[in-house]
């Protein structure tokens, strides 16, 4: 959905057409849920946080600046809700991951040896690779993990992440680079410890 359509739908909602908000929910429910899931590793929490995001954004819609992208504004609200949730639940924050709740990570791998294997072997290898990557991702600080999720799982540009988080482009690039370096280190440690 482009910015113009978003702004038109928001204007309709602000003029009393509450049903129009369903169009925005339909457009953004999956990315907002995925963001919440990646940060909490719990599907029920992710559903609750996504719902809270849409309820709060609806209540605060009068504050939306039509010059900005709606999804950027929505992501900002969602991240704030997720951060608050994680602070409140810090004791059990990452236990859900260790309890085995899983979700597909990235889809296809571009590896010729991998592609030539039988589907069952490929699926097992893919699942194992996903699990290892997830374990390593969970070792990052919440701040770095948030940026990694926004950049690589949500596919957002550095510019959009900057707008959402309020951080400068250079700070985001440096932190993403630092996150990648730490992930690389964790992955190497993981491989070394399995030998």
Protein backbone atom coordinates (compact mmCIF):
# COMPACT_ATOMS: atom_id res chain seq x y z
CA UNK A 1 0.00 0.00 0.00
CA UNK A 2 1.49 3.34 -0.97
CA UNK A 3 1.68 6.43 1.21
CA UNK A 4 -1.14 8.19 -0.66
CA UNK A 5 -3.56 5.30 -0.08
CA UNK A 6 -2.58 5.12 3.59
CA UNK A 7 -3.22 8.84 4.05
CA UNK A 8 -6.60 8.58 2.30
CA UNK A 9 -7.67 5.67 4.50
CA UNK A 10 -6.55 7.49 7.65
CA UNK A 11 -8.51 10.58 6.54
CA UNK A 12 -11.60 8.41 6.05
CA UNK A 13 -11.22 6.93 9.54
CA UNK A 14 -10.76 10.37 11.08
CA UNK A 15 -13.90 11.52 9.28
CA UNK A 16 -15.96 8.79 10.94
CA UNK A 17 -15.52 5.75 8.65
CA UNK A 18 -14.28 3.34 11.33
CA UNK A 19 -14.59 0.37 8.95
CA UNK A 20 -11.81 1.81 6.78
CA UNK A 21 -9.32 1.03 9.54
CA UNK A 22 -9.83 -2.67 8.75
CA UNK A 23 -7.98 -2.06 5.48
CA UNK A 24 -4.90 -0.91 7.38
CA UNK A 25 -5.15 -3.82 9.80
CA UNK A 26 -5.39 -6.26 6.91
CA UNK A 27 -2.35 -4.70 5.23
CA UNK A 28 -0.11 -4.65 8.31
CA UNK A 29 -1.31 -7.44 10.61
CA UNK A 30 1.25 -9.98 9.36
CA UNK A 31 4.36 -7.76 9.56
CA UNK A 32 3.32 -6.44 12.99
CA UNK A 33 2.66 -9.95 14.28
CA UNK A 34 5.99 -11.18 12.85
CA UNK A 35 7.85 -8.32 14.53
CA UNK A 36 6.23 -9.09 17.87
CA UNK A 37 6.89 -12.80 17.48
CA UNK A 38 10.55 -12.30 16.58
CA UNK A 39 11.01 -10.15 19.66
CA UNK A 40 9.03 -12.25 22.16
CA UNK A 41 9.33 -15.81 20.74
CA UNK A 42 5.79 -16.47 21.95
CA UNK A 43 2.83 -16.68 19.57
CA UNK A 44 0.18 -15.71 22.14
CA UNK A 45 2.18 -12.69 23.28
CA UNK A 46 2.75 -11.74 19.65
CA UNK A 47 -0.99 -11.85 18.94
CA UNK A 48 -1.74 -9.79 22.04
CA UNK A 49 0.95 -7.24 21.23
CA UNK A 50 -0.19 -6.93 17.61
CA UNK A 51 -3.76 -6.39 18.77
CA UNK A 52 -2.62 -3.80 21.30
CA UNK A 53 -0.67 -2.06 18.54
CA UNK A 54 -3.75 -1.72 16.36
CA UNK A 55 -5.97 -0.64 19.25
CA UNK A 56 -3.49 1.99 20.43
CA UNK A 57 -2.82 3.25 16.92
CA UNK A 58 -6.57 3.57 16.32
CA UNK A 59 -6.98 5.53 19.57
CA UNK A 60 -4.02 7.75 18.69
CA UNK A 61 -4.78 8.14 14.99
CA UNK A 62 -5.42 11.85 15.43
CA UNK A 63 -1.68 12.18 16.20
CA UNK A 64 -0.59 10.57 12.94
CA UNK A 65 1.34 12.96 10.71
CA UNK A 66 0.21 12.34 7.12
CA UNK A 67 3.63 13.47 5.88
CA UNK A 68 5.09 10.26 7.34
CA UNK A 69 4.48 6.74 6.20
CA UNK A 70 1.70 5.07 8.17
CA UNK A 71 3.57 1.79 8.50
CA UNK A 72 6.60 3.60 9.92
CA UNK A 73 4.35 5.26 12.48
CA UNK A 74 2.68 1.90 13.23
CA UNK A 75 6.04 0.13 13.62
CA UNK A 76 7.13 2.81 16.08
CA UNK A 77 4.03 2.20 18.18
CA UNK A 78 4.51 -1.55 17.95
CA UNK A 79 8.17 -1.38 19.00
CA UNK A 80 7.30 0.75 22.01
CA UNK A 81 4.59 -1.71 23.07
CA UNK A 82 6.97 -4.66 22.58
CA UNK A 83 9.77 -2.94 24.52
CA UNK A 84 7.41 -2.27 27.43
CA UNK A 85 6.22 -5.86 27.36
CA UNK A 86 9.78 -7.17 27.40
CA UNK A 87 10.71 -4.94 30.33
CA UNK A 88 7.69 -6.14 32.32
CA UNK A 89 8.42 -9.77 31.53
CA UNK A 90 12.21 -9.77 31.66
CA UNK A 91 12.42 -12.87 33.85
CA UNK A 92 10.70 -15.07 31.26
CA UNK A 93 11.78 -13.03 28.26
CA UNK A 94 13.68 -15.72 26.39
CA UNK A 95 12.45 -18.88 28.11
CA UNK A 96 9.89 -19.34 25.34
CA UNK A 97 12.64 -19.85 22.81
CA UNK A 98 14.25 -22.57 24.87
CA UNK A 99 10.88 -24.27 25.28
CA UNK A 100 10.88 -24.97 21.58
CA UNK A 101 8.41 -22.63 19.91
CA UNK A 102 9.60 -22.35 16.32
CA UNK A 103 8.83 -20.30 13.24
CA UNK A 104 10.28 -20.33 9.73
CA UNK A 105 13.17 -17.91 9.38
CA UNK A 106 14.05 -16.82 5.89
CA UNK A 107 12.75 -19.24 3.30
CA UNK A 108 15.02 -20.42 0.51
CA UNK A 109 18.79 -20.83 0.78
CA UNK A 110 20.96 -20.16 -2.24
CA UNK A 111 23.36 -23.08 -1.82
CA UNK A 112 23.91 -25.44 -4.78
CA UNK A 113 24.88 -28.39 -2.57
CA UNK A 114 21.80 -27.76 -0.45
CA UNK A 115 19.49 -27.47 -3.46
CA UNK A 116 20.66 -30.78 -4.93
CA UNK A 117 19.78 -32.78 -1.79
CA UNK A 118 16.61 -34.78 -1.32
CA UNK A 119 13.67 -32.71 0.02
CA UNK A 120 13.59 -34.49 3.40
CA UNK A 121 17.33 -34.01 3.97
CA UNK A 122 17.04 -30.40 2.81
CA UNK A 123 14.13 -29.76 5.20
CA UNK A 124 16.01 -31.27 8.15
CA UNK A 125 19.12 -29.29 7.32
CA UNK A 126 17.09 -26.10 6.92
CA UNK A 127 15.31 -26.62 10.24
CA UNK A 128 18.57 -27.29 12.05
CA UNK A 129 20.15 -24.21 10.48
CA UNK A 130 17.16 -22.06 11.48
CA UNK A 131 17.30 -23.29 15.07
CA UNK A 132 21.01 -22.53 15.37
CA UNK A 133 20.55 -19.07 13.90
CA UNK A 134 17.65 -18.37 16.28
CA UNK A 135 19.69 -19.48 19.31
CA UNK A 136 22.48 -17.16 18.25
CA UNK A 137 20.08 -14.28 17.59
CA UNK A 138 18.63 -14.64 21.09
CA UNK A 139 22.11 -14.09 22.57
CA UNK A 140 22.15 -10.52 21.25
CA UNK A 141 21.09 -7.64 23.48
CA UNK A 142 17.44 -6.64 23.01
CA UNK A 143 18.55 -3.43 21.26
CA UNK A 144 20.75 -5.23 18.72
CA UNK A 145 18.20 -8.02 18.23
CA UNK A 146 15.51 -5.41 17.53
CA UNK A 147 17.61 -3.82 14.79
CA UNK A 148 18.51 -7.20 13.29
CA UNK A 149 14.84 -8.23 13.23
CA UNK A 150 13.78 -4.95 11.62
CA UNK A 151 16.53 -5.09 9.01
CA UNK A 152 16.76 -8.76 8.09
CA UNK A 153 13.46 -10.36 9.08
CA UNK A 154 11.14 -7.44 8.38
CA UNK A 155 13.24 -6.27 5.42
CA UNK A 156 13.14 -2.58 6.34
CA UNK A 157 15.63 -0.10 4.94
CA UNK A 158 18.08 1.72 7.19
CA UNK A 159 16.15 4.93 6.52
CA UNK A 160 12.85 3.45 7.69
CA UNK A 161 14.52 1.91 10.75
CA UNK A 162 15.96 5.34 11.53
CA UNK A 163 12.53 6.90 11.34
CA UNK A 164 11.00 4.17 13.54
CA UNK A 165 13.69 4.11 16.21
CA UNK A 166 14.77 7.74 16.19
CA UNK A 167 18.41 6.68 15.79
CA UNK A 168 20.67 8.24 13.18
CA UNK A 169 21.49 6.32 10.01
CA UNK A 170 25.13 5.99 11.01
CA UNK A 171 24.18 4.66 14.46
CA UNK A 172 21.88 2.08 12.92
CA UNK A 173 24.45 0.96 10.36
CA UNK A 174 27.11 0.67 13.06
CA UNK A 175 24.81 -1.30 15.38
CA UNK A 176 23.66 -3.62 12.60
CA UNK A 177 27.30 -4.21 11.68
CA UNK A 178 28.09 -4.88 15.35
CA UNK A 179 25.10 -7.24 15.53
CA UNK A 180 26.31 -9.13 12.46
CA UNK A 181 29.79 -9.41 13.93
CA UNK A 182 28.41 -10.78 17.19
CA UNK A 183 26.16 -13.22 15.31
CA UNK A 184 29.15 -14.39 13.29
CA UNK A 185 31.09 -14.93 16.52
CA UNK A 186 28.18 -16.81 18.16
CA UNK A 187 27.75 -18.98 15.08
CA UNK A 188 31.47 -19.80 14.99
CA UNK A 189 31.37 -20.67 18.70
CA UNK A 190 28.33 -22.84 18.09
CA UNK A 191 30.06 -24.71 15.26
CA UNK A 192 33.28 -25.11 17.29
CA UNK A 193 31.43 -26.43 20.35
CA UNK A 194 29.68 -29.09 18.22
CA UNK A 195 32.95 -30.59 16.98
